Amino acid sequence: MNNEPLVSAGQVADHFGVCVGTVNAWVRERRIPCVRPSRRVVRFHLSEVEAALRQDMQSDDTEKAAPSR
């Protein structure tokens, strides 16, 4: 269980220098993990978002480096 405080989409957006819409798109695309205390409320653990985005960037780099056929 993560004891890190939960933050809002706005706080995630500020942390990464993106718009809230981008954070919401990442959630829809399942690129970042989130916690849903209710149907409309979405919260995040920053460390988990950072790890997910780091992994996503590494997989993008791997795909670009792979030779195309």
PDB file of N, CA and C in Angstrom:
ATOM      1  N   MET A   1       0.846  -1.183   0.000  1.00  0.00           N
ATOM      2  CA  MET A   1       0.000   0.000   0.000  1.00  0.00           C
ATOM      3  C   MET A   1       0.889   1.243   0.000  1.00  0.00           C
ATOM      4  N   ASN A   2       0.547   2.195  -0.834  1.00  0.00           N
ATOM      5  CA  ASN A   2       1.333   3.416  -0.987  1.00  0.00           C
ATOM      6  C   ASN A   2       0.862   4.451   0.030  1.00  0.00           C
ATOM      7  N   ASN A   3       1.770   4.930   0.874  1.00  0.00           N
ATOM      8  CA  ASN A   3       1.434   5.938   1.878  1.00  0.00           C
ATOM      9  C   ASN A   3       1.617   7.357   1.359  1.00  0.00           C
ATOM     10  N   GLU A   4       2.024   7.484   0.122  1.00  0.00           N
ATOM     11  CA  GLU A   4       2.202   8.799  -0.493  1.00  0.00           C
ATOM     12  C   GLU A   4       0.837   9.483  -0.617  1.00  0.00           C
ATOM     13  N   PRO A   5       0.782  10.804  -0.409  1.00  0.00           N
ATOM     14  CA  PRO A   5      -0.511  11.491  -0.542  1.00  0.00           C
ATOM     15  C   PRO A   5      -1.021  11.462  -1.978  1.00  0.00           C
ATOM     16  N   LEU A   6      -2.320  11.440  -2.105  1.00  0.00           N
ATOM     17  CA  LEU A   6      -2.949  11.484  -3.424  1.00  0.00           C
ATOM     18  C   LEU A   6      -3.009  12.937  -3.897  1.00  0.00           C
ATOM     19  N   VAL A   7      -2.800  13.135  -5.189  1.00  0.00           N
ATOM     20  CA  VAL A   7      -2.850  14.477  -5.764  1.00  0.00           C
ATOM     21  C   VAL A   7      -3.866  14.514  -6.899  1.00  0.00           C
ATOM     22  N   SER A   8      -4.279  15.709  -7.256  1.00  0.00           N
ATOM     23  CA  SER A   8      -5.283  15.900  -8.301  1.00  0.00           C
ATOM     24  C   SER A   8      -4.650  15.895  -9.685  1.00  0.00           C
ATOM     25  N   ALA A   9      -5.490  15.863 -10.700  1.00  0.00           N
ATOM     26  CA  ALA A   9      -5.003  15.936 -12.084  1.00  0.00           C
ATOM     27  C   ALA A   9      -4.304  17.267 -12.328  1.00  0.00           C
ATOM     28  N   GLY A  10      -4.789  18.325 -11.717  1.00  0.00           N
ATOM     29  CA  GLY A  10      -4.151  19.627 -11.852  1.00  0.00           C
ATOM     30  C   GLY A  10      -2.744  19.639 -11.280  1.00  0.00           C
ATOM     31  N   GLN A  11      -2.560  18.978 -10.159  1.00  0.00           N
ATOM     32  CA  GLN A  11      -1.232  18.901  -9.550  1.00  0.00           C
ATOM     33  C   GLN A  11      -0.288  18.050 -10.404  1.00  0.00           C
ATOM     34  N   VAL A  12      -0.797  16.976 -10.979  1.00  0.00           N
ATOM     35  CA  VAL A  12       0.010  16.150 -11.885  1.00  0.00           C
ATOM     36  C   VAL A  12       0.400  16.984 -13.106  1.00  0.00           C
ATOM     37  N   ALA A  13      -0.556  17.725 -13.653  1.00  0.00           N
ATOM     38  CA  ALA A  13      -0.288  18.570 -14.819  1.00  0.00           C
ATOM     39  C   ALA A  13       0.793  19.607 -14.499  1.00  0.00           C
ATOM     40  N   ASP A  14       0.682  20.253 -13.347  1.00  0.00           N
ATOM     41  CA  ASP A  14       1.692  21.239 -12.948  1.00  0.00           C
ATOM     42  C   ASP A  14       3.062  20.591 -12.807  1.00  0.00           C
ATOM     43  N   HIS A  15       3.100  19.425 -12.205  1.00  0.00           N
ATOM     44  CA  HIS A  15       4.362  18.724 -11.961  1.00  0.00           C
ATOM     45  C   HIS A  15       5.080  18.391 -13.269  1.00  0.00           C
ATOM     46  N   PHE A  16       4.323  17.976 -14.284  1.00  0.00           N
ATOM     47  CA  PHE A  16       4.919  17.553 -15.550  1.00  0.00           C
ATOM     48  C   PHE A  16       4.893  18.638 -16.624  1.00  0.00           C
ATOM     49  N   GLY A  17       4.313  19.791 -16.319  1.00  0.00           N
ATOM     50  CA  GLY A  17       4.285  20.887 -17.277  1.00  0.00           C
ATOM     51  C   GLY A  17       3.387  20.643 -18.466  1.00  0.00           C
ATOM     52  N   VAL A  18       2.256  19.987 -18.222  1.00  0.00           N
ATOM     53  CA  VAL A  18       1.289  19.711 -19.288  1.00  0.00           C
ATOM     54  C   VAL A  18      -0.078  20.244 -18.854  1.00  0.00           C
ATOM     55  N   CYS A  19      -1.045  20.196 -19.745  1.00  0.00           N
ATOM     56  CA  CYS A  19      -2.411  20.623 -19.423  1.00  0.00           C
ATOM     57  C   CYS A  19      -3.151  19.494 -18.702  1.00  0.00           C
ATOM     58  N   VAL A  20      -4.185  19.870 -17.987  1.00  0.00           N
ATOM     59  CA  VAL A  20      -5.021  18.879 -17.314  1.00  0.00           C
ATOM     60  C   VAL A  20      -5.638  17.930 -18.342  1.00  0.00           C
ATOM     61  N   GLY A  21      -5.962  18.451 -19.518  1.00  0.00           N
ATOM     62  CA  GLY A  21      -6.516  17.608 -20.578  1.00  0.00           C
ATOM     63  C   GLY A  21      -5.572  16.493 -20.982  1.00  0.00           C
ATOM     64  N   THR A  22      -4.279  16.769 -20.946  1.00  0.00           N
ATOM     65  CA  THR A  22      -3.287  15.746 -21.267  1.00  0.00           C
ATOM     66  C   THR A  22      -3.290  14.662 -20.203  1.00  0.00           C
ATOM     67  N   VAL A  23      -3.371  15.060 -18.941  1.00  0.00           N
ATOM     68  CA  VAL A  23      -3.425  14.088 -17.847  1.00  0.00           C
ATOM     69  C   VAL A  23      -4.679  13.224 -18.000  1.00  0.00           C
ATOM     70  N   ASN A  24      -5.801  13.853 -18.305  1.00  0.00           N
ATOM     71  CA  ASN A  24      -7.039  13.093 -18.496  1.00  0.00           C
ATOM     72  C   ASN A  24      -6.933  12.135 -19.677  1.00  0.00           C
ATOM     73  N   ALA A  25      -6.240  12.553 -20.736  1.00  0.00           N
ATOM     74  CA  ALA A  25      -6.036  11.668 -21.888  1.00  0.00           C
ATOM     75  C   ALA A  25      -5.175  10.477 -21.493  1.00  0.00           C
ATOM     76  N   TRP A  26      -4.123  10.720 -20.697  1.00  0.00           N
ATOM     77  CA  TRP A  26      -3.274   9.623 -20.227  1.00  0.00           C
ATOM     78  C   TRP A  26      -4.089   8.610 -19.434  1.00  0.00           C
ATOM     79  N   VAL A  27      -5.048   9.102 -18.639  1.00  0.00           N
ATOM     80  CA  VAL A  27      -5.914   8.197 -17.859  1.00  0.00           C
ATOM     81  C   VAL A  27      -6.789   7.384 -18.808  1.00  0.00           C
ATOM     82  N   ARG A  28      -7.412   8.061 -19.768  1.00  0.00           N
ATOM     83  CA  ARG A  28      -8.272   7.354 -20.738  1.00  0.00           C
ATOM     84  C   ARG A  28      -7.493   6.312 -21.512  1.00  0.00           C
ATOM     85  N   GLU A  29      -6.242   6.629 -21.865  1.00  0.00           N
ATOM     86  CA  GLU A  29      -5.394   5.711 -22.633  1.00  0.00           C
ATOM     87  C   GLU A  29      -4.731   4.661 -21.744  1.00  0.00           C
ATOM     88  N   ARG A  30      -4.984   4.753 -20.446  1.00  0.00           N
ATOM     89  CA  ARG A  30      -4.411   3.840 -19.442  1.00  0.00           C
ATOM     90  C   ARG A  30      -2.888   3.877 -19.443  1.00  0.00           C
ATOM     91  N   ARG A  31      -2.326   5.049 -19.701  1.00  0.00           N
ATOM     92  CA  ARG A  31      -0.869   5.223 -19.673  1.00  0.00           C
ATOM     93  C   ARG A  31      -0.371   5.471 -18.257  1.00  0.00           C
ATOM     94  N   ILE A  32      -1.252   5.993 -17.388  1.00  0.00           N
ATOM     95  CA  ILE A  32      -0.853   6.260 -16.004  1.00  0.00           C
ATOM     96  C   ILE A  32      -1.880   5.656 -15.050  1.00  0.00           C
ATOM     97  N   PRO A  33      -1.407   5.186 -13.888  1.00  0.00           N
ATOM     98  CA  PRO A  33      -2.332   4.618 -12.902  1.00  0.00           C
ATOM     99  C   PRO A  33      -3.048   5.721 -12.135  1.00  0.00           C
ATOM    100  N   CYS A  34      -4.262   5.435 -11.715  1.00  0.00           N
ATOM    101  CA  CYS A  34      -5.018   6.408 -10.936  1.00  0.00           C
ATOM    102  C   CYS A  34      -5.855   5.692  -9.888  1.00  0.00           C
ATOM    103  N   VAL A  35      -6.346   6.488  -8.950  1.00  0.00           N
ATOM    104  CA  VAL A  35      -7.245   6.003  -7.906  1.00  0.00           C
ATOM    105  C   VAL A  35      -8.550   6.748  -8.103  1.00  0.00           C
ATOM    106  N   ARG A  36      -9.652   6.033  -8.097  1.00  0.00           N
ATOM    107  CA  ARG A  36     -10.966   6.665  -8.266  1.00  0.00           C
ATOM    108  C   ARG A  36     -11.786   6.509  -6.982  1.00  0.00           C
ATOM    109  N   PRO A  37     -11.717   7.522  -6.089  1.00  0.00           N
ATOM    110  CA  PRO A  37     -12.510   7.443  -4.863  1.00  0.00           C
ATOM    111  C   PRO A  37     -14.014   7.462  -5.143  1.00  0.00           C
ATOM    112  N   SER A  38     -14.396   8.037  -6.289  1.00  0.00           N
ATOM    113  CA  SER A  38     -15.787   8.011  -6.735  1.00  0.00           C
ATOM    114  C   SER A  38     -15.773   7.974  -8.263  1.00  0.00           C
ATOM    115  N   ARG A  39     -16.920   7.914  -8.856  1.00  0.00           N
ATOM    116  CA  ARG A  39     -16.997   7.780 -10.315  1.00  0.00           C
ATOM    117  C   ARG A  39     -16.334   8.945 -11.042  1.00  0.00           C
ATOM    118  N   ARG A  40     -16.489  10.159 -10.518  1.00  0.00           N
ATOM    119  CA  ARG A  40     -15.986  11.345 -11.207  1.00  0.00           C
ATOM    120  C   ARG A  40     -14.643  11.842 -10.695  1.00  0.00           C
ATOM    121  N   VAL A  41     -14.264  11.448  -9.496  1.00  0.00           N
ATOM    122  CA  VAL A  41     -13.036  11.958  -8.884  1.00  0.00           C
ATOM    123  C   VAL A  41     -11.875  11.016  -9.196  1.00  0.00           C
ATOM    124  N   VAL A  42     -10.782  11.606  -9.679  1.00  0.00           N
ATOM    125  CA  VAL A  42      -9.588  10.832 -10.023  1.00  0.00           C
ATOM    126  C   VAL A  42      -8.413  11.433  -9.267  1.00  0.00           C
ATOM    127  N   ARG A  43      -7.636  10.588  -8.612  1.00  0.00           N
ATOM    128  CA  ARG A  43      -6.454  11.042  -7.868  1.00  0.00           C
ATOM    129  C   ARG A  43      -5.265  10.172  -8.245  1.00  0.00           C
ATOM    130  N   PHE A  44      -4.073  10.663  -7.931  1.00  0.00           N
ATOM    131  CA  PHE A  44      -2.850  10.011  -8.377  1.00  0.00           C
ATOM    132  C   PHE A  44      -1.793   9.990  -7.282  1.00  0.00           C
ATOM    133  N   HIS A  45      -0.923   8.982  -7.346  1.00  0.00           N
ATOM    134  CA  HIS A  45       0.315   8.951  -6.576  1.00  0.00           C
ATOM    135  C   HIS A  45       1.391   9.403  -7.566  1.00  0.00           C
ATOM    136  N   LEU A  46       2.031  10.540  -7.294  1.00  0.00           N
ATOM    137  CA  LEU A  46       3.011  11.084  -8.242  1.00  0.00           C
ATOM    138  C   LEU A  46       4.112  10.096  -8.588  1.00  0.00           C
ATOM    139  N   SER A  47       4.600   9.351  -7.604  1.00  0.00           N
ATOM    140  CA  SER A  47       5.690   8.410  -7.882  1.00  0.00           C
ATOM    141  C   SER A  47       5.246   7.323  -8.860  1.00  0.00           C
ATOM    142  N   GLU A  48       3.995   6.889  -8.765  1.00  0.00           N
ATOM    143  CA  GLU A  48       3.485   5.863  -9.680  1.00  0.00           C
ATOM    144  C   GLU A  48       3.302   6.426 -11.089  1.00  0.00           C
ATOM    145  N   VAL A  49       2.865   7.689 -11.171  1.00  0.00           N
ATOM    146  CA  VAL A  49       2.715   8.329 -12.481  1.00  0.00           C
ATOM    147  C   VAL A  49       4.087   8.492 -13.132  1.00  0.00           C
ATOM    148  N   GLU A  50       5.069   8.954 -12.343  1.00  0.00           N
ATOM    149  CA  GLU A  50       6.428   9.106 -12.871  1.00  0.00           C
ATOM    150  C   GLU A  50       6.971   7.785 -13.397  1.00  0.00           C
ATOM    151  N   ALA A  51       6.780   6.723 -12.634  1.00  0.00           N
ATOM    152  CA  ALA A  51       7.275   5.408 -13.046  1.00  0.00           C
ATOM    153  C   ALA A  51       6.584   4.939 -14.327  1.00  0.00           C
ATOM    154  N   ALA A  52       5.280   5.150 -14.418  1.00  0.00           N
ATOM    155  CA  ALA A  52       4.533   4.715 -15.600  1.00  0.00           C
ATOM    156  C   ALA A  52       4.972   5.493 -16.835  1.00  0.00           C
ATOM    157  N   LEU A  53       5.168   6.793 -16.689  1.00  0.00           N
ATOM    158  CA  LEU A  53       5.587   7.597 -17.832  1.00  0.00           C
ATOM    159  C   LEU A  53       7.016   7.265 -18.241  1.00  0.00           C
ATOM    160  N   ARG A  54       7.873   6.997 -17.265  1.00  0.00           N
ATOM    161  CA  ARG A  54       9.252   6.602 -17.568  1.00  0.00           C
ATOM    162  C   ARG A  54       9.248   5.296 -18.356  1.00  0.00           C
ATOM    163  N   GLN A  55       8.445   4.341 -17.916  1.00  0.00           N
ATOM    164  CA  GLN A  55       8.353   3.048 -18.602  1.00  0.00           C
ATOM    165  C   GLN A  55       7.769   3.242 -20.006  1.00  0.00           C
ATOM    166  N   ASP A  56       6.774   4.102 -20.125  1.00  0.00           N
ATOM    167  CA  ASP A  56       6.140   4.363 -21.414  1.00  0.00           C
ATOM    168  C   ASP A  56       7.147   4.980 -22.381  1.00  0.00           C
ATOM    169  N   MET A  57       7.973   5.908 -21.876  1.00  0.00           N
ATOM    170  CA  MET A  57       8.991   6.535 -22.725  1.00  0.00           C
ATOM    171  C   MET A  57      10.040   5.518 -23.160  1.00  0.00           C
ATOM    172  N   GLN A  58      10.422   4.621 -22.275  1.00  0.00           N
ATOM    173  CA  GLN A  58      11.407   3.604 -22.625  1.00  0.00           C
ATOM    174  C   GLN A  58      10.858   2.651 -23.676  1.00  0.00           C
ATOM    175  N   SER A  59       9.588   2.288 -23.562  1.00  0.00           N
ATOM    176  CA  SER A  59       9.011   1.387 -24.563  1.00  0.00           C
ATOM    177  C   SER A  59       8.882   2.095 -25.907  1.00  0.00           C
ATOM    178  N   ASP A  60       8.614   3.403 -25.901  1.00  0.00           N
ATOM    179  CA  ASP A  60       8.580   4.174 -27.152  1.00  0.00           C
ATOM    180  C   ASP A  60       9.949   4.187 -27.802  1.00  0.00           C
ATOM    181  N   ASP A  61      11.005   4.385 -27.001  1.00  0.00           N
ATOM    182  CA  ASP A  61      12.365   4.389 -27.530  1.00  0.00           C
ATOM    183  C   ASP A  61      12.727   3.040 -28.127  1.00  0.00           C
ATOM    184  N   THR A  62      12.304   1.956 -27.484  1.00  0.00           N
ATOM    185  CA  THR A  62      12.588   0.603 -27.959  1.00  0.00           C
ATOM    186  C   THR A  62      11.902   0.366 -29.300  1.00  0.00           C
ATOM    187  N   GLU A  63      10.645   0.811 -29.411  1.00  0.00           N
ATOM    188  CA  GLU A  63       9.912   0.624 -30.661  1.00  0.00           C
ATOM    189  C   GLU A  63      10.544   1.415 -31.801  1.00  0.00           C
ATOM    190  N   LYS A  64      11.037   2.635 -31.511  1.00  0.00           N
ATOM    191  CA  LYS A  64      11.665   3.452 -32.541  1.00  0.00           C
ATOM    192  C   LYS A  64      13.001   2.871 -32.981  1.00  0.00           C
ATOM    193  N   ALA A  65      13.705   2.221 -32.038  1.00  0.00           N
ATOM    194  CA  ALA A  65      15.012   1.669 -32.347  1.00  0.00           C
ATOM    195  C   ALA A  65      14.919   0.346 -33.115  1.00  0.00           C
ATOM    196  N   ALA A  66      13.787  -0.330 -33.025  1.00  0.00           N
ATOM    197  CA  ALA A  66      13.626  -1.619 -33.701  1.00  0.00           C
ATOM    198  C   ALA A  66      13.585  -1.400 -35.218  1.00  0.00           C
ATOM    199  N   PRO A  67      14.283  -2.227 -35.972  1.00  0.00           N
ATOM    200  CA  PRO A  67      14.273  -2.068 -37.428  1.00  0.00           C
ATOM    201  C   PRO A  67      12.896  -2.371 -38.000  1.00  0.00           C
ATOM    202  N   SER A  68      12.499  -1.579 -38.959  1.00  0.00           N
ATOM    203  CA  SER A  68      11.195  -1.810 -39.604  1.00  0.00           C
ATOM    204  C   SER A  68      11.370  -2.794 -40.748  1.00  0.00           C
ATOM    205  N   ARG A  69      10.309  -3.511 -41.015  1.00  0.00           N
ATOM    206  CA  ARG A  69      10.364  -4.519 -42.092  1.00  0.00           C
ATOM    207  C   ARG A  69       9.534  -4.101 -43.245  1.00  0.00           C
TER     208      ARG A  69
END
